[in-house]
């Protein structure tokens, strides 16, 4: 039986992994959105696709670059934390 402290520690660690793996994509989306919004405010161009396409392109590029880091982080979490808990090795 898993103790309450171990359960909450595992959930906390899983949430921290989720934050770490999502920060690169979310920060680039924020920066791209601010840059496009500033460009639209300065030029008075109010085209909806102008906000969507650059953000999507930046997100895809950063996802492609950081995919190895994200995969390694998640695999490490599963192999060192979750699989031993499921198999009862803790």
PDB file of N, CA and C in Angstrom:
ATOM      1  N   UNK A   1       0.843  -1.192   0.000  1.00  0.00           N
ATOM      2  CA  UNK A   1       0.000   0.000   0.000  1.00  0.00           C
ATOM      3  C   UNK A   1       0.880   1.243   0.000  1.00  0.00           C
ATOM      4  N   UNK A   2       0.544   2.200  -0.840  1.00  0.00           N
ATOM      5  CA  UNK A   2       1.312   3.438  -0.949  1.00  0.00           C
ATOM      6  C   UNK A   2       0.899   4.391   0.164  1.00  0.00           C
ATOM      7  N   UNK A   3       1.894   4.970   0.817  1.00  0.00           N
ATOM      8  CA  UNK A   3       1.587   5.923   1.881  1.00  0.00           C
ATOM      9  C   UNK A   3       1.122   7.249   1.274  1.00  0.00           C
ATOM     10  N   UNK A   4       0.481   8.020   2.101  1.00  0.00           N
ATOM     11  CA  UNK A   4      -0.043   9.310   1.649  1.00  0.00           C
ATOM     12  C   UNK A   4       1.081  10.258   1.256  1.00  0.00           C
ATOM     13  N   UNK A   5       2.160  10.252   2.015  1.00  0.00           N
ATOM     14  CA  UNK A   5       3.294  11.117   1.709  1.00  0.00           C
ATOM     15  C   UNK A   5       3.946  10.760   0.389  1.00  0.00           C
ATOM     16  N   UNK A   6       4.083   9.467   0.116  1.00  0.00           N
ATOM     17  CA  UNK A   6       4.673   9.020  -1.147  1.00  0.00           C
ATOM     18  C   UNK A   6       3.775   9.385  -2.317  1.00  0.00           C
ATOM     19  N   UNK A   7       2.472   9.259  -2.123  1.00  0.00           N
ATOM     20  CA  UNK A   7       1.526   9.634  -3.173  1.00  0.00           C
ATOM     21  C   UNK A   7       1.648  11.114  -3.520  1.00  0.00           C
ATOM     22  N   UNK A   8       1.622  11.968  -2.510  1.00  0.00           N
ATOM     23  CA  UNK A   8       1.697  13.409  -2.768  1.00  0.00           C
ATOM     24  C   UNK A   8       3.054  13.818  -3.330  1.00  0.00           C
ATOM     25  N   UNK A   9       4.111  13.143  -2.909  1.00  0.00           N
ATOM     26  CA  UNK A   9       5.433  13.434  -3.458  1.00  0.00           C
ATOM     27  C   UNK A   9       5.502  13.051  -4.933  1.00  0.00           C
ATOM     28  N   UNK A  10       4.894  11.924  -5.281  1.00  0.00           N
ATOM     29  CA  UNK A  10       4.876  11.501  -6.683  1.00  0.00           C
ATOM     30  C   UNK A  10       4.056  12.456  -7.534  1.00  0.00           C
ATOM     31  N   UNK A  11       2.912  12.881  -7.031  1.00  0.00           N
ATOM     32  CA  UNK A  11       2.076  13.838  -7.763  1.00  0.00           C
ATOM     33  C   UNK A  11       2.807  15.175  -7.912  1.00  0.00           C
ATOM     34  N   UNK A  12       3.469  15.636  -6.843  1.00  0.00           N
ATOM     35  CA  UNK A  12       4.210  16.893  -6.903  1.00  0.00           C
ATOM     36  C   UNK A  12       5.319  16.812  -7.943  1.00  0.00           C
ATOM     37  N   UNK A  13       6.044  15.694  -7.947  1.00  0.00           N
ATOM     38  CA  UNK A  13       7.130  15.526  -8.902  1.00  0.00           C
ATOM     39  C   UNK A  13       6.580  15.460 -10.335  1.00  0.00           C
ATOM     40  N   UNK A  14       5.450  14.794 -10.528  1.00  0.00           N
ATOM     41  CA  UNK A  14       4.839  14.728 -11.850  1.00  0.00           C
ATOM     42  C   UNK A  14       4.378  16.085 -12.350  1.00  0.00           C
ATOM     43  N   UNK A  15       3.814  16.890 -11.458  1.00  0.00           N
ATOM     44  CA  UNK A  15       3.401  18.239 -11.848  1.00  0.00           C
ATOM     45  C   UNK A  15       4.605  19.112 -12.171  1.00  0.00           C
ATOM     46  N   UNK A  16       5.693  18.945 -11.432  1.00  0.00           N
ATOM     47  CA  UNK A  16       6.904  19.709 -11.702  1.00  0.00           C
ATOM     48  C   UNK A  16       7.487  19.322 -13.068  1.00  0.00           C
ATOM     49  N   UNK A  17       7.455  18.034 -13.400  1.00  0.00           N
ATOM     50  CA  UNK A  17       7.911  17.575 -14.713  1.00  0.00           C
ATOM     51  C   UNK A  17       7.041  18.191 -15.811  1.00  0.00           C
ATOM     52  N   UNK A  18       5.732  18.260 -15.582  1.00  0.00           N
ATOM     53  CA  UNK A  18       4.826  18.868 -16.557  1.00  0.00           C
ATOM     54  C   UNK A  18       5.152  20.345 -16.760  1.00  0.00           C
ATOM     55  N   UNK A  19       5.467  21.044 -15.688  1.00  0.00           N
ATOM     56  CA  UNK A  19       5.826  22.464 -15.802  1.00  0.00           C
ATOM     57  C   UNK A  19       7.130  22.622 -16.576  1.00  0.00           C
ATOM     58  N   UNK A  20       8.120  21.823 -16.239  1.00  0.00           N
ATOM     59  CA  UNK A  20       9.432  21.942 -16.891  1.00  0.00           C
ATOM     60  C   UNK A  20       9.337  21.634 -18.385  1.00  0.00           C
ATOM     61  N   UNK A  21       8.556  20.624 -18.752  1.00  0.00           N
ATOM     62  CA  UNK A  21       8.471  20.284 -20.169  1.00  0.00           C
ATOM     63  C   UNK A  21       7.600  21.248 -20.968  1.00  0.00           C
ATOM     64  N   UNK A  22       6.711  21.978 -20.312  1.00  0.00           N
ATOM     65  CA  UNK A  22       5.857  22.900 -21.052  1.00  0.00           C
ATOM     66  C   UNK A  22       6.386  24.327 -21.116  1.00  0.00           C
ATOM     67  N   UNK A  23       7.351  24.670 -20.280  1.00  0.00           N
ATOM     68  CA  UNK A  23       7.849  26.046 -20.235  1.00  0.00           C
ATOM     69  C   UNK A  23       8.456  26.518 -21.559  1.00  0.00           C
ATOM     70  N   UNK A  24       9.285  25.728 -22.255  1.00  0.00           N
ATOM     71  CA  UNK A  24       9.839  26.246 -23.517  1.00  0.00           C
ATOM     72  C   UNK A  24       8.766  26.618 -24.535  1.00  0.00           C
ATOM     73  N   UNK A  25       7.774  25.781 -24.704  1.00  0.00           N
ATOM     74  CA  UNK A  25       6.734  26.050 -25.706  1.00  0.00           C
ATOM     75  C   UNK A  25       5.859  27.226 -25.283  1.00  0.00           C
ATOM     76  N   UNK A  26       5.474  27.274 -24.019  1.00  0.00           N
ATOM     77  CA  UNK A  26       4.615  28.366 -23.566  1.00  0.00           C
ATOM     78  C   UNK A  26       5.322  29.710 -23.590  1.00  0.00           C
ATOM     79  N   UNK A  27       6.606  29.726 -23.245  1.00  0.00           N
ATOM     80  CA  UNK A  27       7.330  30.999 -23.256  1.00  0.00           C
ATOM     81  C   UNK A  27       7.532  31.511 -24.675  1.00  0.00           C
ATOM     82  N   UNK A  28       7.790  30.627 -25.622  1.00  0.00           N
ATOM     83  CA  UNK A  28       7.936  31.064 -27.016  1.00  0.00           C
ATOM     84  C   UNK A  28       6.597  31.538 -27.562  1.00  0.00           C
ATOM     85  N   UNK A  29       5.505  30.867 -27.189  1.00  0.00           N
ATOM     86  CA  UNK A  29       4.183  31.327 -27.631  1.00  0.00           C
ATOM     87  C   UNK A  29       3.878  32.711 -27.069  1.00  0.00           C
ATOM     88  N   UNK A  30       4.258  32.947 -25.823  1.00  0.00           N
ATOM     89  CA  UNK A  30       4.042  34.260 -25.218  1.00  0.00           C
ATOM     90  C   UNK A  30       4.864  35.335 -25.921  1.00  0.00           C
ATOM     91  N   UNK A  31       6.131  35.054 -26.152  1.00  0.00           N
ATOM     92  CA  UNK A  31       7.008  36.040 -26.807  1.00  0.00           C
ATOM     93  C   UNK A  31       6.543  36.308 -28.234  1.00  0.00           C
ATOM     94  N   UNK A  32       6.185  35.257 -28.974  1.00  0.00           N
ATOM     95  CA  UNK A  32       5.700  35.454 -30.346  1.00  0.00           C
ATOM     96  C   UNK A  32       4.388  36.231 -30.356  1.00  0.00           C
ATOM     97  N   UNK A  33       3.504  35.942 -29.404  1.00  0.00           N
ATOM     98  CA  UNK A  33       2.243  36.681 -29.328  1.00  0.00           C
ATOM     99  C   UNK A  33       2.456  38.147 -29.011  1.00  0.00           C
ATOM    100  N   UNK A  34       3.375  38.434 -28.106  1.00  0.00           N
ATOM    101  CA  UNK A  34       3.676  39.833 -27.793  1.00  0.00           C
ATOM    102  C   UNK A  34       4.294  40.557 -28.978  1.00  0.00           C
ATOM    103  N   UNK A  35       5.200  39.882 -29.677  1.00  0.00           N
ATOM    104  CA  UNK A  35       5.845  40.508 -30.838  1.00  0.00           C
ATOM    105  C   UNK A  35       4.832  40.787 -31.944  1.00  0.00           C
ATOM    106  N   UNK A  36       3.967  39.834 -32.220  1.00  0.00           N
ATOM    107  CA  UNK A  36       2.952  40.035 -33.258  1.00  0.00           C
ATOM    108  C   UNK A  36       1.949  41.100 -32.826  1.00  0.00           C
ATOM    109  N   UNK A  37       1.566  41.100 -31.567  1.00  0.00           N
ATOM    110  CA  UNK A  37       0.648  42.128 -31.071  1.00  0.00           C
ATOM    111  C   UNK A  37       1.246  43.521 -31.159  1.00  0.00           C
ATOM    112  N   UNK A  38       2.525  43.629 -30.837  1.00  0.00           N
ATOM    113  CA  UNK A  38       3.210  44.921 -30.968  1.00  0.00           C
ATOM    114  C   UNK A  38       3.282  45.347 -32.427  1.00  0.00           C
ATOM    115  N   UNK A  39       3.596  44.406 -33.306  1.00  0.00           N
ATOM    116  CA  UNK A  39       3.645  44.709 -34.738  1.00  0.00           C
ATOM    117  C   UNK A  39       2.281  45.166 -35.242  1.00  0.00           C
ATOM    118  N   UNK A  40       1.210  44.488 -34.804  1.00  0.00           N
ATOM    119  CA  UNK A  40      -0.131  44.877 -35.229  1.00  0.00           C
ATOM    120  C   UNK A  40      -0.521  46.248 -34.683  1.00  0.00           C
ATOM    121  N   UNK A  41      -0.107  46.542 -33.469  1.00  0.00           N
ATOM    122  CA  UNK A  41      -0.441  47.844 -32.892  1.00  0.00           C
ATOM    123  C   UNK A  41       0.312  48.965 -33.601  1.00  0.00           C
ATOM    124  N   UNK A  42       1.549  48.691 -33.980  1.00  0.00           N
ATOM    125  CA  UNK A  42       2.342  49.728 -34.638  1.00  0.00           C
ATOM    126  C   UNK A  42       1.918  49.965 -36.082  1.00  0.00           C
ATOM    127  N   UNK A  43       1.444  48.934 -36.763  1.00  0.00           N
ATOM    128  CA  UNK A  43       1.102  49.079 -38.179  1.00  0.00           C
ATOM    129  C   UNK A  43      -0.395  49.168 -38.433  1.00  0.00           C
ATOM    130  N   UNK A  44      -1.213  48.999 -37.415  1.00  0.00           N
ATOM    131  CA  UNK A  44      -2.682  49.019 -37.523  1.00  0.00           C
ATOM    132  C   UNK A  44      -3.211  47.932 -38.449  1.00  0.00           C
ATOM    133  N   UNK A  45      -2.490  46.845 -38.581  1.00  0.00           N
ATOM    134  CA  UNK A  45      -2.961  45.691 -39.345  1.00  0.00           C
ATOM    135  C   UNK A  45      -3.669  44.762 -38.365  1.00  0.00           C
ATOM    136  N   UNK A  46      -4.934  44.499 -38.593  1.00  0.00           N
ATOM    137  CA  UNK A  46      -5.714  43.662 -37.688  1.00  0.00           C
ATOM    138  C   UNK A  46      -6.161  42.387 -38.391  1.00  0.00           C
ATOM    139  N   UNK A  47      -5.221  41.628 -38.878  1.00  0.00           N
ATOM    140  CA  UNK A  47      -5.512  40.367 -39.561  1.00  0.00           C
ATOM    141  C   UNK A  47      -5.389  39.221 -38.566  1.00  0.00           C
ATOM    142  N   UNK A  48      -6.405  38.365 -38.475  1.00  0.00           N
ATOM    143  CA  UNK A  48      -6.414  37.286 -37.493  1.00  0.00           C
ATOM    144  C   UNK A  48      -5.363  36.217 -37.794  1.00  0.00           C
ATOM    145  N   UNK A  49      -5.128  35.940 -39.068  1.00  0.00           N
ATOM    146  CA  UNK A  49      -4.141  34.916 -39.400  1.00  0.00           C
ATOM    147  C   UNK A  49      -2.727  35.386 -39.090  1.00  0.00           C
ATOM    148  N   UNK A  50      -2.526  36.678 -39.003  1.00  0.00           N
ATOM    149  CA  UNK A  50      -1.206  37.208 -38.680  1.00  0.00           C
ATOM    150  C   UNK A  50      -0.803  36.838 -37.254  1.00  0.00           C
ATOM    151  N   UNK A  51      -1.751  36.682 -36.366  1.00  0.00           N
ATOM    152  CA  UNK A  51      -1.404  36.271 -35.010  1.00  0.00           C
ATOM    153  C   UNK A  51      -1.235  34.764 -34.903  1.00  0.00           C
ATOM    154  N   UNK A  52      -1.961  34.008 -35.721  1.00  0.00           N
ATOM    155  CA  UNK A  52      -1.958  32.558 -35.597  1.00  0.00           C
ATOM    156  C   UNK A  52      -0.742  31.908 -36.238  1.00  0.00           C
ATOM    157  N   UNK A  53      -0.407  32.283 -37.443  1.00  0.00           N
ATOM    158  CA  UNK A  53       0.644  31.597 -38.209  1.00  0.00           C
ATOM    159  C   UNK A  53       2.031  31.764 -37.580  1.00  0.00           C
ATOM    160  N   UNK A  54       2.474  32.961 -37.202  1.00  0.00           N
ATOM    161  CA  UNK A  54       3.811  33.055 -36.585  1.00  0.00           C
ATOM    162  C   UNK A  54       3.904  32.324 -35.246  1.00  0.00           C
ATOM    163  N   UNK A  55       2.826  32.382 -34.457  1.00  0.00           N
ATOM    164  CA  UNK A  55       2.831  31.662 -33.184  1.00  0.00           C
ATOM    165  C   UNK A  55       2.918  30.156 -33.403  1.00  0.00           C
ATOM    166  N   UNK A  56       2.151  29.660 -34.334  1.00  0.00           N
ATOM    167  CA  UNK A  56       2.172  28.235 -34.629  1.00  0.00           C
ATOM    168  C   UNK A  56       3.542  27.805 -35.151  1.00  0.00           C
ATOM    169  N   UNK A  57       4.138  28.606 -36.020  1.00  0.00           N
ATOM    170  CA  UNK A  57       5.464  28.274 -36.543  1.00  0.00           C
ATOM    171  C   UNK A  57       6.512  28.265 -35.432  1.00  0.00           C
ATOM    172  N   UNK A  58       6.460  29.242 -34.545  1.00  0.00           N
ATOM    173  CA  UNK A  58       7.420  29.297 -33.440  1.00  0.00           C
ATOM    174  C   UNK A  58       7.230  28.109 -32.500  1.00  0.00           C
ATOM    175  N   UNK A  59       5.995  27.740 -32.230  1.00  0.00           N
ATOM    176  CA  UNK A  59       5.729  26.608 -31.344  1.00  0.00           C
ATOM    177  C   UNK A  59       6.234  25.311 -31.963  1.00  0.00           C
ATOM    178  N   UNK A  60       6.002  25.117 -33.249  1.00  0.00           N
ATOM    179  CA  UNK A  60       6.463  23.895 -33.917  1.00  0.00           C
ATOM    180  C   UNK A  60       7.979  23.819 -33.915  1.00  0.00           C
ATOM    181  N   UNK A  61       8.654  24.926 -34.165  1.00  0.00           N
ATOM    182  CA  UNK A  61      10.124  24.937 -34.174  1.00  0.00           C
ATOM    183  C   UNK A  61      10.676  24.622 -32.790  1.00  0.00           C
ATOM    184  N   UNK A  62      10.131  25.253 -31.765  1.00  0.00           N
ATOM    185  CA  UNK A  62      10.623  25.001 -30.407  1.00  0.00           C
ATOM    186  C   UNK A  62      10.285  23.586 -29.959  1.00  0.00           C
ATOM    187  N   UNK A  63       9.134  23.083 -30.345  1.00  0.00           N
ATOM    188  CA  UNK A  63       8.799  21.702 -30.010  1.00  0.00           C
ATOM    189  C   UNK A  63       9.779  20.740 -30.666  1.00  0.00           C
ATOM    190  N   UNK A  64      10.118  20.993 -31.907  1.00  0.00           N
ATOM    191  CA  UNK A  64      11.054  20.133 -32.620  1.00  0.00           C
ATOM    192  C   UNK A  64      12.439  20.183 -31.974  1.00  0.00           C
ATOM    193  N   UNK A  65      12.856  21.365 -31.551  1.00  0.00           N
ATOM    194  CA  UNK A  65      14.174  21.510 -30.921  1.00  0.00           C
ATOM    195  C   UNK A  65      14.193  20.854 -29.538  1.00  0.00           C
ATOM    196  N   UNK A  66      13.142  21.045 -28.743  1.00  0.00           N
ATOM    197  CA  UNK A  66      13.147  20.554 -27.365  1.00  0.00           C
ATOM    198  C   UNK A  66      12.516  19.176 -27.196  1.00  0.00           C
ATOM    199  N   UNK A  67      12.181  18.509 -28.290  1.00  0.00           N
ATOM    200  CA  UNK A  67      11.541  17.205 -28.206  1.00  0.00           C
ATOM    201  C   UNK A  67      12.430  16.169 -27.516  1.00  0.00           C
ATOM    202  N   UNK A  68      13.715  16.188 -27.765  1.00  0.00           N
ATOM    203  CA  UNK A  68      14.626  15.247 -27.124  1.00  0.00           C
ATOM    204  C   UNK A  68      14.678  15.445 -25.612  1.00  0.00           C
ATOM    205  N   UNK A  69      14.739  16.703 -25.197  1.00  0.00           N
ATOM    206  CA  UNK A  69      14.742  17.021 -23.762  1.00  0.00           C
ATOM    207  C   UNK A  69      13.452  16.563 -23.094  1.00  0.00           C
ATOM    208  N   UNK A  70      12.318  16.849 -23.734  1.00  0.00           N
ATOM    209  CA  UNK A  70      11.036  16.459 -23.163  1.00  0.00           C
ATOM    210  C   UNK A  70      10.907  14.941 -23.060  1.00  0.00           C
ATOM    211  N   UNK A  71      11.296  14.256 -24.116  1.00  0.00           N
ATOM    212  CA  UNK A  71      11.206  12.796 -24.115  1.00  0.00           C
ATOM    213  C   UNK A  71      12.099  12.196 -23.048  1.00  0.00           C
ATOM    214  N   UNK A  72      13.329  12.672 -22.949  1.00  0.00           N
ATOM    215  CA  UNK A  72      14.260  12.148 -21.956  1.00  0.00           C
ATOM    216  C   UNK A  72      13.766  12.407 -20.534  1.00  0.00           C
ATOM    217  N   UNK A  73      13.209  13.573 -20.291  1.00  0.00           N
ATOM    218  CA  UNK A  73      12.692  13.904 -18.966  1.00  0.00           C
ATOM    219  C   UNK A  73      11.524  12.995 -18.585  1.00  0.00           C
ATOM    220  N   UNK A  74      10.597  12.804 -19.510  1.00  0.00           N
ATOM    221  CA  UNK A  74       9.442  11.954 -19.217  1.00  0.00           C
ATOM    222  C   UNK A  74       9.836  10.489 -19.069  1.00  0.00           C
ATOM    223  N   UNK A  75      10.728   9.990 -19.915  1.00  0.00           N
ATOM    224  CA  UNK A  75      11.170   8.603 -19.807  1.00  0.00           C
ATOM    225  C   UNK A  75      11.907   8.386 -18.487  1.00  0.00           C
ATOM    226  N   UNK A  76      12.734   9.348 -18.095  1.00  0.00           N
ATOM    227  CA  UNK A  76      13.452   9.241 -16.829  1.00  0.00           C
ATOM    228  C   UNK A  76      12.478   9.210 -15.649  1.00  0.00           C
ATOM    229  N   UNK A  77      11.450  10.032 -15.683  1.00  0.00           N
ATOM    230  CA  UNK A  77      10.454  10.052 -14.612  1.00  0.00           C
ATOM    231  C   UNK A  77       9.713   8.720 -14.531  1.00  0.00           C
ATOM    232  N   UNK A  78       9.346   8.194 -15.689  1.00  0.00           N
ATOM    233  CA  UNK A  78       8.622   6.927 -15.690  1.00  0.00           C
ATOM    234  C   UNK A  78       9.496   5.789 -15.204  1.00  0.00           C
ATOM    235  N   UNK A  79      10.750   5.717 -15.683  1.00  0.00           N
ATOM    236  CA  UNK A  79      11.588   4.570 -15.328  1.00  0.00           C
ATOM    237  C   UNK A  79      12.095   4.637 -13.901  1.00  0.00           C
ATOM    238  N   UNK A  80      12.314   5.823 -13.362  1.00  0.00           N
ATOM    239  CA  UNK A  80      12.859   5.910 -11.998  1.00  0.00           C
ATOM    240  C   UNK A  80      11.787   6.045 -10.937  1.00  0.00           C
ATOM    241  N   UNK A  81      10.601   6.538 -11.286  1.00  0.00           N
ATOM    242  CA  UNK A  81       9.582   6.802 -10.274  1.00  0.00           C
ATOM    243  C   UNK A  81       8.321   5.954 -10.442  1.00  0.00           C
ATOM    244  N   UNK A  82       7.682   6.060 -11.587  1.00  0.00           N
ATOM    245  CA  UNK A  82       6.365   5.442 -11.736  1.00  0.00           C
ATOM    246  C   UNK A  82       6.414   3.919 -11.885  1.00  0.00           C
ATOM    247  N   UNK A  83       7.309   3.417 -12.704  1.00  0.00           N
ATOM    248  CA  UNK A  83       7.363   1.968 -12.919  1.00  0.00           C
ATOM    249  C   UNK A  83       7.731   1.232 -11.633  1.00  0.00           C
ATOM    250  N   UNK A  84       8.725   1.707 -10.850  1.00  0.00           N
ATOM    251  CA  UNK A  84       8.955   1.017  -9.567  1.00  0.00           C
ATOM    252  C   UNK A  84       7.758   1.089  -8.610  1.00  0.00           C
ATOM    253  N   UNK A  85       6.995   2.173  -8.648  1.00  0.00           N
ATOM    254  CA  UNK A  85       5.809   2.258  -7.794  1.00  0.00           C
ATOM    255  C   UNK A  85       4.735   1.262  -8.238  1.00  0.00           C
ATOM    256  N   UNK A  86       4.566   1.146  -9.548  1.00  0.00           N
ATOM    257  CA  UNK A  86       3.552   0.229 -10.061  1.00  0.00           C
ATOM    258  C   UNK A  86       3.934  -1.221  -9.782  1.00  0.00           C
ATOM    259  N   UNK A  87       5.219  -1.524  -9.946  1.00  0.00           N
ATOM    260  CA  UNK A  87       5.646  -2.910  -9.745  1.00  0.00           C
ATOM    261  C   UNK A  87       5.841  -3.254  -8.276  1.00  0.00           C
ATOM    262  N   UNK A  88       5.766  -2.270  -7.404  1.00  0.00           N
ATOM    263  CA  UNK A  88       5.909  -2.519  -5.968  1.00  0.00           C
ATOM    264  C   UNK A  88       7.332  -2.568  -5.506  1.00  0.00           C
ATOM    265  N   UNK A  89       8.256  -1.989  -6.268  1.00  0.00           N
ATOM    266  CA  UNK A  89       9.664  -2.035  -5.924  1.00  0.00           C
ATOM    267  C   UNK A  89      10.110  -0.960  -4.938  1.00  0.00           C
ATOM    268  N   UNK A  90       9.195  -0.124  -4.479  1.00  0.00           N
ATOM    269  CA  UNK A  90       9.598   0.963  -3.566  1.00  0.00           C
ATOM    270  C   UNK A  90       9.456   0.525  -2.145  1.00  0.00           C
TER     271      UNK A  90
END
